[in-house]
């Protein structure tokens, strides 16, 4: 009985937890940009690296999410 109540309360905190996690990621990204640009990295090179990393992270997620559409057209 108590496990169901805890699970229901945890469900209510999911949006707040997601917002806090997103804000922490944005803060880390800001610190990373500041450190890279202060260290002398070209802004253009930084943007290219950032887009490359985003592609490497998001492409597998997109492929996995749409794998059934890719198999059965």
N, C-alpha and C. Protein backbone atom coordinates (compact mmCIF):
# COMPACT_ATOMS: atom_id res chain seq x y z
N UNK A 1 0.82 -1.18 0.00
CA UNK A 1 0.00 0.00 0.00
C UNK A 1 0.87 1.25 0.00
N UNK A 2 1.91 1.25 0.81
CA UNK A 2 2.77 2.43 0.89
C UNK A 2 3.56 2.63 -0.40
N UNK A 3 3.93 1.53 -1.07
CA UNK A 3 4.69 1.63 -2.31
C UNK A 3 3.91 2.35 -3.39
N UNK A 4 2.60 2.12 -3.46
CA UNK A 4 1.76 2.79 -4.45
C UNK A 4 1.67 4.28 -4.19
N UNK A 5 1.62 4.65 -2.92
CA UNK A 5 1.53 6.07 -2.56
C UNK A 5 2.84 6.78 -2.90
N UNK A 6 3.96 6.13 -2.62
CA UNK A 6 5.26 6.72 -2.93
C UNK A 6 5.40 6.90 -4.44
N UNK A 7 4.97 5.89 -5.18
CA UNK A 7 5.04 5.98 -6.64
C UNK A 7 4.17 7.12 -7.16
N UNK A 8 2.99 7.31 -6.59
CA UNK A 8 2.10 8.39 -7.02
C UNK A 8 2.71 9.75 -6.72
N UNK A 9 3.35 9.89 -5.56
CA UNK A 9 4.01 11.15 -5.21
C UNK A 9 5.19 11.40 -6.15
N UNK A 10 5.96 10.35 -6.45
CA UNK A 10 7.10 10.49 -7.35
C UNK A 10 6.65 10.90 -8.74
N UNK A 11 5.51 10.42 -9.20
CA UNK A 11 4.97 10.81 -10.51
C UNK A 11 4.69 12.31 -10.54
N UNK A 12 4.24 12.86 -9.44
CA UNK A 12 3.95 14.29 -9.38
C UNK A 12 5.18 15.16 -9.45
N UNK A 13 6.34 14.62 -9.06
CA UNK A 13 7.58 15.40 -9.07
C UNK A 13 8.37 15.27 -10.36
N UNK A 14 7.92 14.46 -11.29
CA UNK A 14 8.66 14.26 -12.54
C UNK A 14 8.85 15.56 -13.32
N UNK A 15 7.82 16.38 -13.52
CA UNK A 15 8.04 17.62 -14.27
C UNK A 15 9.04 18.55 -13.59
N UNK A 16 8.95 18.65 -12.29
CA UNK A 16 9.88 19.52 -11.55
C UNK A 16 11.30 18.98 -11.63
N UNK A 17 11.44 17.69 -11.52
CA UNK A 17 12.76 17.07 -11.62
C UNK A 17 13.35 17.28 -13.00
N UNK A 18 12.53 17.16 -14.03
CA UNK A 18 13.00 17.38 -15.40
C UNK A 18 13.44 18.83 -15.60
N UNK A 19 12.70 19.79 -15.03
CA UNK A 19 13.09 21.20 -15.16
C UNK A 19 14.40 21.48 -14.44
N UNK A 20 14.58 20.91 -13.27
CA UNK A 20 15.83 21.11 -12.52
C UNK A 20 17.00 20.48 -13.28
N UNK A 21 16.79 19.30 -13.84
CA UNK A 21 17.85 18.65 -14.61
C UNK A 21 18.21 19.47 -15.85
N UNK A 22 17.21 20.00 -16.53
CA UNK A 22 17.47 20.83 -17.72
C UNK A 22 18.23 22.09 -17.33
N UNK A 23 17.87 22.70 -16.23
CA UNK A 23 18.56 23.91 -15.78
C UNK A 23 20.01 23.61 -15.41
N UNK A 24 20.26 22.47 -14.79
CA UNK A 24 21.63 22.08 -14.46
C UNK A 24 22.45 21.84 -15.72
N UNK A 25 21.83 21.26 -16.74
CA UNK A 25 22.53 21.05 -18.01
C UNK A 25 22.85 22.39 -18.66
N UNK A 26 21.91 23.33 -18.63
CA UNK A 26 22.17 24.65 -19.20
C UNK A 26 23.28 25.36 -18.46
N UNK A 27 23.31 25.24 -17.15
CA UNK A 27 24.37 25.88 -16.36
C UNK A 27 25.73 25.25 -16.68
N UNK A 28 25.78 23.93 -16.79
CA UNK A 28 27.03 23.27 -17.13
C UNK A 28 27.49 23.67 -18.52
N UNK A 29 26.55 23.79 -19.45
CA UNK A 29 26.90 24.21 -20.81
C UNK A 29 27.47 25.63 -20.81
N UNK A 30 26.89 26.51 -20.03
CA UNK A 30 27.39 27.88 -19.95
C UNK A 30 28.81 27.91 -19.40
N UNK A 31 29.07 27.14 -18.35
CA UNK A 31 30.42 27.07 -17.79
C UNK A 31 31.41 26.48 -18.78
N UNK A 32 30.97 25.48 -19.54
CA UNK A 32 31.82 24.85 -20.54
C UNK A 32 32.17 25.84 -21.66
N UNK A 33 31.17 26.61 -22.10
CA UNK A 33 31.41 27.61 -23.14
C UNK A 33 32.38 28.67 -22.64
N UNK A 34 32.16 29.14 -21.43
CA UNK A 34 33.04 30.17 -20.86
C UNK A 34 34.47 29.66 -20.77
N UNK A 35 34.66 28.45 -20.29
CA UNK A 35 36.01 27.89 -20.15
C UNK A 35 36.67 27.70 -21.51
N UNK A 36 35.92 27.23 -22.48
CA UNK A 36 36.50 26.98 -23.81
C UNK A 36 36.89 28.29 -24.49
N UNK A 37 36.01 29.27 -24.44
CA UNK A 37 36.29 30.53 -25.12
C UNK A 37 37.35 31.34 -24.40
N UNK A 38 37.39 31.26 -23.08
CA UNK A 38 38.43 31.95 -22.32
C UNK A 38 39.79 31.30 -22.58
N UNK A 39 39.78 30.00 -22.79
CA UNK A 39 41.02 29.29 -23.05
C UNK A 39 41.58 29.52 -24.44
N UNK A 40 40.87 30.22 -25.28
CA UNK A 40 41.39 30.57 -26.59
C UNK A 40 40.79 29.82 -27.76
N UNK A 41 39.77 29.01 -27.53
CA UNK A 41 39.16 28.28 -28.64
C UNK A 41 38.35 29.24 -29.50
N UNK A 42 38.44 29.04 -30.79
CA UNK A 42 37.67 29.84 -31.73
C UNK A 42 36.18 29.55 -31.57
N UNK A 43 35.33 30.57 -31.56
CA UNK A 43 33.89 30.32 -31.45
C UNK A 43 33.35 29.44 -32.57
N UNK A 44 33.89 29.59 -33.78
CA UNK A 44 33.43 28.78 -34.90
C UNK A 44 33.77 27.30 -34.68
N UNK A 45 34.96 27.03 -34.19
CA UNK A 45 35.37 25.65 -33.92
C UNK A 45 34.52 25.08 -32.79
N UNK A 46 34.24 25.88 -31.79
CA UNK A 46 33.41 25.42 -30.67
C UNK A 46 32.03 25.03 -31.16
N UNK A 47 31.44 25.83 -32.03
CA UNK A 47 30.11 25.52 -32.56
C UNK A 47 30.13 24.22 -33.36
N UNK A 48 31.16 24.02 -34.15
CA UNK A 48 31.27 22.78 -34.93
C UNK A 48 31.38 21.57 -34.00
N UNK A 49 32.22 21.67 -32.98
CA UNK A 49 32.35 20.57 -32.02
C UNK A 49 31.03 20.31 -31.29
N UNK A 50 30.37 21.37 -30.90
CA UNK A 50 29.11 21.22 -30.17
C UNK A 50 28.07 20.53 -31.03
N UNK A 51 27.98 20.91 -32.30
CA UNK A 51 27.02 20.28 -33.20
C UNK A 51 27.39 18.82 -33.48
N UNK A 52 28.67 18.54 -33.58
CA UNK A 52 29.11 17.16 -33.80
C UNK A 52 28.75 16.27 -32.61
N UNK A 53 28.99 16.77 -31.41
CA UNK A 53 28.64 16.00 -30.21
C UNK A 53 27.14 15.80 -30.13
N UNK A 54 26.37 16.83 -30.43
CA UNK A 54 24.91 16.71 -30.40
C UNK A 54 24.43 15.67 -31.40
N UNK A 55 25.04 15.65 -32.58
CA UNK A 55 24.67 14.65 -33.58
C UNK A 55 24.98 13.25 -33.10
N UNK A 56 26.16 13.07 -32.51
CA UNK A 56 26.54 11.74 -32.03
C UNK A 56 25.65 11.27 -30.89
N UNK A 57 25.13 12.19 -30.10
CA UNK A 57 24.26 11.82 -28.98
C UNK A 57 22.83 11.58 -29.45
N UNK A 58 22.34 12.45 -30.33
CA UNK A 58 20.93 12.39 -30.71
C UNK A 58 20.63 11.40 -31.83
N UNK A 59 21.57 11.16 -32.73
CA UNK A 59 21.31 10.25 -33.85
C UNK A 59 20.94 8.85 -33.39
N UNK A 60 21.70 8.24 -32.47
CA UNK A 60 21.28 6.90 -32.01
C UNK A 60 19.90 6.91 -31.35
N UNK A 61 19.59 7.96 -30.61
CA UNK A 61 18.28 8.03 -29.98
C UNK A 61 17.17 8.11 -31.03
N UNK A 62 17.39 8.87 -32.09
CA UNK A 62 16.40 8.97 -33.16
C UNK A 62 16.26 7.65 -33.91
N UNK A 63 17.37 6.99 -34.14
CA UNK A 63 17.33 5.70 -34.85
C UNK A 63 16.59 4.66 -34.01
N UNK A 64 16.89 4.62 -32.72
CA UNK A 64 16.22 3.65 -31.84
C UNK A 64 14.73 3.94 -31.74
N UNK A 65 14.37 5.22 -31.63
CA UNK A 65 12.96 5.59 -31.50
C UNK A 65 12.17 5.25 -32.77
N UNK A 66 12.83 5.30 -33.92
CA UNK A 66 12.13 5.07 -35.19
C UNK A 66 12.55 3.77 -35.86
N UNK A 67 13.07 2.82 -35.12
CA UNK A 67 13.60 1.61 -35.75
C UNK A 67 12.52 0.79 -36.43
N UNK A 68 11.31 0.79 -35.92
CA UNK A 68 10.26 0.00 -36.55
C UNK A 68 9.79 0.66 -37.84
N UNK A 69 9.82 1.97 -37.93
CA UNK A 69 9.48 2.66 -39.16
C UNK A 69 10.53 2.42 -40.23
N UNK A 70 11.78 2.25 -39.82
CA UNK A 70 12.85 2.00 -40.77
C UNK A 70 12.78 0.59 -41.34
N UNK A 71 12.31 -0.37 -40.52
CA UNK A 71 12.24 -1.77 -40.96
C UNK A 71 11.04 -2.00 -41.86
N UNK A 72 9.86 -1.52 -41.46
CA UNK A 72 8.62 -1.70 -42.23
C UNK A 72 8.15 -0.37 -42.79
N UNK A 73 8.48 -0.10 -44.04
CA UNK A 73 8.07 1.20 -44.62
C UNK A 73 6.59 1.24 -44.91
